[in-house]
C-alpha atoms as a PDB file:
ATOM      1  CA  GLN A   1     121.332 133.734  70.075  1.00  0.00           C
ATOM      2  CA  VAL A   2     122.354 130.929  72.387  1.00  0.00           C
ATOM      3  CA  GLN A   3     120.161 130.046  75.338  1.00  0.00           C
ATOM      4  CA  LEU A   4     121.835 128.366  78.303  1.00  0.00           C
ATOM      5  CA  VAL A   5     120.188 126.691  81.269  1.00  0.00           C
ATOM      6  CA  GLU A   6     122.175 125.311  84.206  1.00  0.00           C
ATOM      7  CA  SER A   7     121.068 122.572  86.556  1.00  0.00           C
ATOM      8  CA  GLY A   8     122.507 120.302  89.222  1.00  0.00           C
ATOM      9  CA  GLY A   9     123.511 122.695  91.960  1.00  0.00           C
ATOM     10  CA  GLY A  10     122.869 121.994  95.620  1.00  0.00           C
ATOM     11  CA  LEU A  11     124.311 121.472  99.065  1.00  0.00           C
ATOM     12  CA  VAL A  12     127.143 118.999  99.615  1.00  0.00           C
ATOM     13  CA  GLN A  13     129.609 118.263 102.381  1.00  0.00           C
ATOM     14  CA  ALA A  14     133.300 118.975 101.965  1.00  0.00           C
ATOM     15  CA  GLY A  15     134.992 116.139 100.122  1.00  0.00           C
ATOM     16  CA  GLY A  16     131.815 115.292  98.257  1.00  0.00           C
ATOM     17  CA  SER A  17     130.993 115.547  94.586  1.00  0.00           C
ATOM     18  CA  LEU A  18     128.419 117.278  92.427  1.00  0.00           C
ATOM     19  CA  ARG A  19     127.654 117.351  88.722  1.00  0.00           C
ATOM     20  CA  LEU A  20     126.447 120.497  87.006  1.00  0.00           C
ATOM     21  CA  SER A  21     124.865 120.477  83.589  1.00  0.00           C
ATOM     22  CA  CYS A  22     124.415 123.241  81.033  1.00  0.00           C
ATOM     23  CA  ALA A  23     121.817 122.766  78.296  1.00  0.00           C
ATOM     24  CA  ALA A  24     122.396 124.891  75.205  1.00  0.00           C
ATOM     25  CA  SER A  25     119.909 125.752  72.481  1.00  0.00           C
ATOM     26  CA  GLY A  26     119.267 128.304  69.782  1.00  0.00           C
ATOM     27  CA  ARG A  27     122.079 127.748  67.317  1.00  0.00           C
ATOM     28  CA  SER A  28     124.862 125.405  66.320  1.00  0.00           C
ATOM     29  CA  LEU A  29     127.741 125.348  68.786  1.00  0.00           C
ATOM     30  CA  SER A  30     130.343 124.218  66.274  1.00  0.00           C
ATOM     31  CA  ASN A  31     132.147 127.587  66.421  1.00  0.00           C
ATOM     32  CA  TYR A  32     131.697 128.082  70.141  1.00  0.00           C
ATOM     33  CA  ALA A  33     133.287 127.209  73.433  1.00  0.00           C
ATOM     34  CA  ILE A  34     131.282 126.714  76.595  1.00  0.00           C
ATOM     35  CA  HIS A  35     132.719 128.115  79.807  1.00  0.00           C
ATOM     36  CA  TRP A  36     131.911 127.659  83.450  1.00  0.00           C
ATOM     37  CA  PHE A  37     132.380 130.675  85.718  1.00  0.00           C
ATOM     38  CA  ARG A  38     131.569 131.072  89.386  1.00  0.00           C
ATOM     39  CA  GLN A  39     130.922 133.950  91.742  1.00  0.00           C
ATOM     40  CA  ALA A  40     131.230 133.671  95.499  1.00  0.00           C
ATOM     41  CA  PRO A  41     129.572 136.192  97.832  1.00  0.00           C
ATOM     42  CA  GLY A  42     131.520 139.439  97.889  1.00  0.00           C
ATOM     43  CA  LYS A  43     133.916 138.300  95.180  1.00  0.00           C
ATOM     44  CA  GLU A  44     134.274 138.885  91.487  1.00  0.00           C
ATOM     45  CA  ARG A  45     133.119 136.326  88.974  1.00  0.00           C
ATOM     46  CA  GLU A  46     135.976 133.994  88.066  1.00  0.00           C
ATOM     47  CA  PHE A  47     136.734 131.540  85.299  1.00  0.00           C
ATOM     48  CA  VAL A  48     136.522 127.854  86.195  1.00  0.00           C
ATOM     49  CA  ALA A  49     136.814 125.821  82.993  1.00  0.00           C
ATOM     50  CA  THR A  50     136.104 125.874  79.297  1.00  0.00           C
ATOM     51  CA  ILE A  51     135.606 123.329  76.541  1.00  0.00           C
ATOM     52  CA  ARG A  52     135.820 123.975  72.835  1.00  0.00           C
ATOM     53  CA  TRP A  53     132.855 122.363  71.127  1.00  0.00           C
ATOM     54  CA  SER A  54     134.627 121.394  67.905  1.00  0.00           C
ATOM     55  CA  ASP A  55     137.388 119.266  69.404  1.00  0.00           C
ATOM     56  CA  GLY A  56     136.719 119.030  73.141  1.00  0.00           C
ATOM     57  CA  ARG A  57     139.876 120.915  74.129  1.00  0.00           C
ATOM     58  CA  ALA A  58     139.524 121.856  77.791  1.00  0.00           C
ATOM     59  CA  ILE A  59     141.233 124.422  80.002  1.00  0.00           C
ATOM     60  CA  TYR A  60     140.916 124.653  83.776  1.00  0.00           C
ATOM     61  CA  GLN A  61     141.621 127.216  86.438  1.00  0.00           C
ATOM     62  CA  ASP A  62     144.573 126.053  88.526  1.00  0.00           C
ATOM     63  CA  SER A  63     142.555 125.698  91.729  1.00  0.00           C
ATOM     64  CA  VAL A  64     140.205 123.107  90.190  1.00  0.00           C
ATOM     65  CA  LYS A  65     142.681 121.088  88.125  1.00  0.00           C
ATOM     66  CA  GLY A  66     142.507 117.429  89.057  1.00  0.00           C
ATOM     67  CA  ARG A  67     139.200 117.915  90.877  1.00  0.00           C
ATOM     68  CA  PHE A  68     136.830 119.177  88.168  1.00  0.00           C
ATOM     69  CA  THR A  69     136.194 117.690  84.735  1.00  0.00           C
ATOM     70  CA  ILE A  70     134.358 119.451  81.932  1.00  0.00           C
ATOM     71  CA  SER A  71     132.777 117.420  79.142  1.00  0.00           C
ATOM     72  CA  ARG A  72     130.324 117.838  76.313  1.00  0.00           C
ATOM     73  CA  ASP A  73     127.598 115.689  74.815  1.00  0.00           C
ATOM     74  CA  ASN A  74     127.146 116.524  71.155  1.00  0.00           C
ATOM     75  CA  ALA A  75     123.891 114.624  70.841  1.00  0.00           C
ATOM     76  CA  LYS A  76     122.252 116.330  73.808  1.00  0.00           C
ATOM     77  CA  ASN A  77     123.892 119.751  73.334  1.00  0.00           C
ATOM     78  CA  THR A  78     124.956 119.763  76.948  1.00  0.00           C
ATOM     79  CA  VAL A  79     128.139 120.556  78.820  1.00  0.00           C
ATOM     80  CA  ASP A  80     128.709 119.020  82.231  1.00  0.00           C
ATOM     81  CA  LEU A  81     131.025 120.026  85.027  1.00  0.00           C
ATOM     82  CA  GLN A  82     131.822 117.080  87.254  1.00  0.00           C
ATOM     83  CA  MET A  83     133.198 118.305  90.568  1.00  0.00           C
ATOM     84  CA  TYR A  84     135.041 116.040  93.010  1.00  0.00           C
ATOM     85  CA  SER A  85     136.737 116.660  96.362  1.00  0.00           C
ATOM     86  CA  LEU A  86     134.715 119.784  96.885  1.00  0.00           C
ATOM     87  CA  LYS A  87     135.929 122.387  99.354  1.00  0.00           C
ATOM     88  CA  PRO A  88     134.050 125.135 101.198  1.00  0.00           C
ATOM     89  CA  GLU A  89     135.871 127.667  99.020  1.00  0.00           C
ATOM     90  CA  ASP A  90     134.118 126.162  95.979  1.00  0.00           C
ATOM     91  CA  THR A  91     130.862 127.597  97.301  1.00  0.00           C
ATOM     92  CA  ALA A  92     129.496 129.994  94.679  1.00  0.00           C
ATOM     93  CA  VAL A  93     126.881 130.564  92.040  1.00  0.00           C
ATOM     94  CA  TYR A  94     128.068 128.681  88.962  1.00  0.00           C
ATOM     95  CA  TYR A  95     127.289 130.057  85.523  1.00  0.00           C
ATOM     96  CA  CYS A  96     127.728 128.529  82.118  1.00  0.00           C
ATOM     97  CA  ALA A  97     128.489 130.852  79.251  1.00  0.00           C
ATOM     98  CA  ALA A  98     129.042 130.641  75.498  1.00  0.00           C
ATOM     99  CA  ALA A  99     131.757 132.406  73.543  1.00  0.00           C
ATOM    100  CA  ILE A 100     133.212 132.220  70.079  1.00  0.00           C
ATOM    101  CA  ALA A 101     135.875 129.540  70.260  1.00  0.00           C
ATOM    102  CA  TYR A 102     139.444 130.714  70.721  1.00  0.00           C
ATOM    103  CA  SER A 103     141.904 129.052  68.373  1.00  0.00           C
ATOM    104  CA  GLY A 104     144.860 129.215  70.736  1.00  0.00           C
ATOM    105  CA  ASN A 105     145.346 128.204  74.339  1.00  0.00           C
ATOM    106  CA  GLY A 106     142.913 130.599  75.934  1.00  0.00           C
ATOM    107  CA  TYR A 107     139.310 131.645  75.781  1.00  0.00           C
ATOM    108  CA  ASN A 108     137.215 134.546  74.560  1.00  0.00           C
ATOM    109  CA  SER A 109     134.876 136.594  76.697  1.00  0.00           C
ATOM    110  CA  PRO A 110     131.358 135.171  76.729  1.00  0.00           C
ATOM    111  CA  ASP A 111     128.566 136.493  74.573  1.00  0.00           C
ATOM    112  CA  TYR A 112     125.803 134.565  76.328  1.00  0.00           C
ATOM    113  CA  TRP A 113     125.172 133.603  79.942  1.00  0.00           C
ATOM    114  CA  GLY A 114     122.930 131.242  81.824  1.00  0.00           C
ATOM    115  CA  GLN A 115     121.036 132.241  84.951  1.00  0.00           C
ATOM    116  CA  GLY A 116     123.352 130.407  87.349  1.00  0.00           C
ATOM    117  CA  THR A 117     123.009 127.574  89.840  1.00  0.00           C
ATOM    118  CA  GLN A 118     124.005 127.656  93.503  1.00  0.00           C
ATOM    119  CA  VAL A 119     126.639 125.278  94.853  1.00  0.00           C
ATOM    120  CA  THR A 120     127.158 125.247  98.607  1.00  0.00           C
ATOM    121  CA  VAL A 121     129.894 123.149 100.226  1.00  0.00           C
ATOM    122  CA  SER A 122     129.627 122.761 103.986  1.00  0.00           C
ATOM    123  CA  SER A 123     132.652 122.146 106.179  1.00  0.00           C
END
């Protein structure tokens, strides 16, 4: 079992920045990747970014490339999502999730989810 707890959400004006953090516990993450997903009201949950724990390889959704950065801290067992140049359309509940690491250029479906943290970007 992997337990995931998100923090760092809040209200920010368009063009601002916010940093989300995901604290993982329960087992070694060496074979896992940590994803960030988001779900806006009335929309399906969508992939945002992922980072493979073993080597830090990251993949981003096209709409956040150049604005969001995902990173991991091995010592703290945390994964952060630094978000810059935020837009109203980034408003959503953001979830971190853990999945068995994918060896190629993609990602596996998550096995574990956090409870989510709200990000609201005002125009």
